[in-house]
């Protein structure tokens, strides 16, 4: 499969990898700060921006599934556990509200308390997240999706999901680098191919570079 071949299942796996790494890094770095002391202000700002991007991407991803993907998939895959998946989304959404509050606290008078709440919430999300994506990737595997949906229809649904995410996750100068650079080279190339060329050629490396620079130590090269 080439990076440009439409695959709804592979697109799902790819964004799952972004979020899984985001949760893992967010938990590990926050725990490190609580145990060993806080880093320089610019690095700590990067951690806050990274956490914000994670929460924004995760929330938009679940909204996109509930509002865009699941209504389409229900027609041809009626027996997938949509209620269970949407219930997980709701449970995570409640935790995201707490995460956003914790991120605000990072820049306040008690940043350590904010990190404690943030790490606790990220751990709780992770506990739900891992079995959740295993369930999704089982029921919406490449083989299952290919049996019920043409490549063109997969492309259209993936594009609709991407458009929804871009409209609901932000700001773009944080979340797009967050998505791209929480992926390894092969997945990153496939993800980059879904963006307009200007994003990779001009915005990410030039126009936005100073805005997402604080997150670089948390991202992959």
Protein backbone atom coordinates (compact mmCIF):
# COMPACT_ATOMS: atom_id res chain seq x y z
CA UNK A 1 0.00 0.00 0.00
CA UNK A 2 1.35 3.42 -0.97
CA UNK A 3 0.84 6.44 1.30
CA UNK A 4 -1.71 7.86 -1.17
CA UNK A 5 -3.92 4.75 -1.33
CA UNK A 6 -7.15 5.51 0.57
CA UNK A 7 -7.52 3.42 3.72
CA UNK A 8 -9.96 4.54 6.37
CA UNK A 9 -8.68 1.86 8.75
CA UNK A 10 -5.06 2.97 8.35
CA UNK A 11 -6.04 6.61 8.86
CA UNK A 12 -7.75 5.56 12.09
CA UNK A 13 -4.67 3.69 13.28
CA UNK A 14 -2.46 6.63 12.40
CA UNK A 15 -4.37 9.18 14.50
CA UNK A 16 -4.56 6.61 17.30
CA UNK A 17 -0.75 6.45 17.24
CA UNK A 18 -0.54 10.24 17.53
CA UNK A 19 -2.83 10.32 20.56
CA UNK A 20 -1.27 7.28 22.23
CA UNK A 21 2.18 8.83 22.03
CA UNK A 22 0.77 12.15 23.24
CA UNK A 23 -0.72 10.50 26.31
CA UNK A 24 2.46 8.53 27.01
CA UNK A 25 4.72 11.57 26.72
CA UNK A 26 2.33 13.78 28.69
CA UNK A 27 2.22 11.30 31.57
CA UNK A 28 5.97 10.59 31.55
CA UNK A 29 7.09 14.22 31.41
CA UNK A 30 4.55 15.40 33.99
CA UNK A 31 5.62 12.62 36.36
CA UNK A 32 9.25 13.57 35.82
CA UNK A 33 8.55 17.21 36.71
CA UNK A 34 6.71 16.23 39.87
CA UNK A 35 9.55 13.97 40.98
CA UNK A 36 12.62 15.90 39.84
CA UNK A 37 11.56 19.53 39.61
CA UNK A 38 10.24 21.76 36.88
CA UNK A 39 12.31 22.60 33.77
CA UNK A 40 13.15 26.02 32.36
CA UNK A 41 10.09 28.22 31.65
CA UNK A 42 10.29 27.78 27.86
CA UNK A 43 10.32 23.99 28.20
CA UNK A 44 7.45 24.09 30.66
CA UNK A 45 5.55 26.30 28.23
CA UNK A 46 6.16 23.63 25.60
CA UNK A 47 4.72 21.01 27.92
CA UNK A 48 1.60 23.12 28.41
CA UNK A 49 1.23 23.66 24.64
CA UNK A 50 1.79 19.96 24.03
CA UNK A 51 -0.92 19.03 26.56
CA UNK A 52 -3.31 21.55 25.01
CA UNK A 53 -2.68 20.10 21.55
CA UNK A 54 -3.23 16.57 22.81
CA UNK A 55 -6.54 17.46 24.44
CA UNK A 56 -7.69 19.40 21.37
CA UNK A 57 -6.81 16.61 18.91
CA UNK A 58 -8.35 13.92 21.11
CA UNK A 59 -11.59 15.83 21.58
CA UNK A 60 -11.91 16.65 17.87
CA UNK A 61 -11.14 13.05 16.92
CA UNK A 62 -13.95 11.69 19.06
CA UNK A 63 -16.39 14.34 17.86
CA UNK A 64 -15.50 13.40 14.29
CA UNK A 65 -16.19 9.74 14.95
CA UNK A 66 -19.53 10.41 16.64
CA UNK A 67 -20.74 13.05 14.19
CA UNK A 68 -19.14 12.08 10.87
CA UNK A 69 -17.83 8.49 10.75
CA UNK A 70 -20.22 6.46 12.90
CA UNK A 71 -23.43 7.64 11.18
CA UNK A 72 -21.97 6.43 7.86
CA UNK A 73 -20.51 3.19 9.19
CA UNK A 74 -23.70 2.22 11.07
CA UNK A 75 -25.49 1.76 7.75
CA UNK A 76 -23.18 -1.02 6.55
CA UNK A 77 -21.72 -2.19 9.87
CA UNK A 78 -24.75 -2.05 12.17
CA UNK A 79 -23.41 -4.51 14.75
CA UNK A 80 -20.25 -2.67 15.76
CA UNK A 81 -20.37 -1.49 19.41
CA UNK A 82 -21.19 2.15 18.70
CA UNK A 83 -22.93 2.74 22.03
CA UNK A 84 -19.94 1.42 23.96
CA UNK A 85 -17.54 3.50 21.87
CA UNK A 86 -19.59 6.68 22.25
CA UNK A 87 -19.90 6.05 26.00
CA UNK A 88 -16.10 5.90 26.17
CA UNK A 89 -15.97 9.16 24.24
CA UNK A 90 -18.28 10.81 26.76
CA UNK A 91 -16.23 9.56 29.70
CA UNK A 92 -13.04 10.89 28.11
CA UNK A 93 -14.77 14.17 27.27
CA UNK A 94 -15.49 14.74 30.98
CA UNK A 95 -11.82 14.16 31.73
CA UNK A 96 -10.84 16.57 28.94
CA UNK A 97 -12.78 19.30 30.75
CA UNK A 98 -10.58 18.68 33.80
CA UNK A 99 -7.47 18.57 31.63
CA UNK A 100 -8.22 21.99 30.17
CA UNK A 101 -8.67 23.36 33.69
CA UNK A 102 -5.36 21.79 34.73
CA UNK A 103 -3.59 23.35 31.73
CA UNK A 104 -4.85 26.79 32.77
CA UNK A 105 -3.44 26.13 36.24
CA UNK A 106 0.02 25.47 34.77
CA UNK A 107 0.42 29.20 34.13
CA UNK A 108 -1.09 30.25 37.46
CA UNK A 109 0.18 30.49 41.01
CA UNK A 110 0.14 26.74 41.68
CA UNK A 111 1.60 25.02 38.60
CA UNK A 112 2.56 21.93 40.57
CA UNK A 113 -1.08 21.33 41.47
CA UNK A 114 -1.96 21.73 37.80
CA UNK A 115 0.61 19.11 36.79
CA UNK A 116 -0.69 16.70 39.43
CA UNK A 117 -4.26 17.02 38.14
CA UNK A 118 -3.11 16.84 34.53
CA UNK A 119 -1.08 13.67 35.03
CA UNK A 120 -3.87 12.03 37.00
CA UNK A 121 -6.41 12.82 34.27
CA UNK A 122 -4.09 11.67 31.49
CA UNK A 123 -3.59 8.36 33.30
CA UNK A 124 -7.35 7.94 33.61
CA UNK A 125 -7.80 8.73 29.93
CA UNK A 126 -5.07 6.23 29.03
CA UNK A 127 -6.85 3.49 30.99
CA UNK A 128 -9.97 4.03 28.88
CA UNK A 129 -8.08 4.77 25.67
CA UNK A 130 -6.09 1.56 25.22
CA UNK A 131 -9.02 -0.93 25.24
CA UNK A 132 -11.10 1.64 23.34
CA UNK A 133 -8.78 1.81 20.34
CA UNK A 134 -8.28 -1.95 20.40
CA UNK A 135 -12.04 -2.33 20.03
CA UNK A 136 -12.21 0.23 17.23
CA UNK A 137 -9.30 -1.23 15.31
CA UNK A 138 -10.82 -4.70 15.59
CA UNK A 139 -14.28 -3.75 14.33
CA UNK A 140 -13.03 -1.22 11.76
CA UNK A 141 -10.07 -3.19 10.40
CA UNK A 142 -8.77 -2.75 6.86
CA UNK A 143 -10.34 -6.06 5.83
CA UNK A 144 -13.72 -5.19 7.31
CA UNK A 145 -13.83 -1.70 5.84
CA UNK A 146 -12.60 -2.84 2.41
CA UNK A 147 -15.39 -5.41 2.25
CA UNK A 148 -18.12 -2.79 2.65
CA UNK A 149 -16.69 0.45 1.27
CA UNK A 150 -14.99 1.38 -2.00
CA UNK A 151 -11.63 3.16 -1.98
CA UNK A 152 -13.33 6.33 -3.19
CA UNK A 153 -15.88 6.22 -0.38
CA UNK A 154 -13.09 5.60 2.11
CA UNK A 155 -11.26 8.62 0.75
CA UNK A 156 -14.37 10.78 1.01
CA UNK A 157 -15.05 9.75 4.60
CA UNK A 158 -11.42 10.23 5.60
CA UNK A 159 -11.47 13.70 4.06
CA UNK A 160 -14.70 14.54 5.87
CA UNK A 161 -13.14 13.40 9.16
CA UNK A 162 -10.02 15.44 8.45
CA UNK A 163 -12.04 18.54 7.61
CA UNK A 164 -14.05 18.16 10.83
CA UNK A 165 -10.87 17.80 12.90
CA UNK A 166 -9.29 20.87 11.32
CA UNK A 167 -12.42 22.87 12.15
CA UNK A 168 -12.58 21.72 15.77
CA UNK A 169 -8.92 21.29 16.83
CA UNK A 170 -6.67 24.25 17.27
CA UNK A 171 -4.80 26.40 17.07
CA UNK A 172 -3.40 24.92 13.83
CA UNK A 173 0.14 26.19 14.46
CA UNK A 174 0.27 23.84 17.46
CA UNK A 175 -1.98 20.93 16.57
CA UNK A 176 -0.71 20.26 13.03
CA UNK A 177 2.96 19.97 14.14
CA UNK A 178 1.71 17.96 17.14
CA UNK A 179 0.00 15.47 14.81
CA UNK A 180 2.86 15.26 12.30
CA UNK A 181 5.73 14.96 14.73
CA UNK A 182 4.15 12.42 17.03
CA UNK A 183 4.40 10.04 14.06
CA UNK A 184 7.37 8.13 12.71
CA UNK A 185 8.68 8.96 9.21
CA UNK A 186 6.45 6.61 7.19
CA UNK A 187 3.23 7.55 8.99
CA UNK A 188 4.24 11.22 8.93
CA UNK A 189 4.69 11.14 5.16
CA UNK A 190 1.26 9.56 4.74
CA UNK A 191 -0.33 12.13 7.04
CA UNK A 192 1.48 15.02 5.34
CA UNK A 193 0.13 13.85 1.98
CA UNK A 194 -3.39 14.65 3.22
CA UNK A 195 -2.51 18.31 3.84
CA UNK A 196 -2.24 21.09 1.25
CA UNK A 197 1.42 21.43 0.10
CA UNK A 198 1.65 24.90 1.63
CA UNK A 199 1.33 23.44 5.13
CA UNK A 200 4.47 21.33 4.85
CA UNK A 201 6.33 23.68 2.53
CA UNK A 202 5.68 27.03 4.18
CA UNK A 203 3.53 27.06 7.31
CA UNK A 204 5.04 24.34 9.51
CA UNK A 205 8.75 24.97 8.77
CA UNK A 206 8.63 28.75 8.33
CA UNK A 207 5.51 30.73 9.23
CA UNK A 208 4.60 28.71 12.32
CA UNK A 209 8.08 27.59 13.41
CA UNK A 210 8.41 30.02 16.33
CA UNK A 211 4.92 29.22 17.62
CA UNK A 212 5.47 25.47 17.95
CA UNK A 213 9.20 25.61 18.72
CA UNK A 214 8.62 25.21 22.49
CA UNK A 215 7.12 21.74 21.87
CA UNK A 216 10.07 20.37 19.89
CA UNK A 217 11.69 18.53 22.80
CA UNK A 218 8.48 16.51 23.23
CA UNK A 219 8.18 15.58 19.54
CA UNK A 220 9.93 13.12 17.25
CA UNK A 221 12.63 14.35 14.88
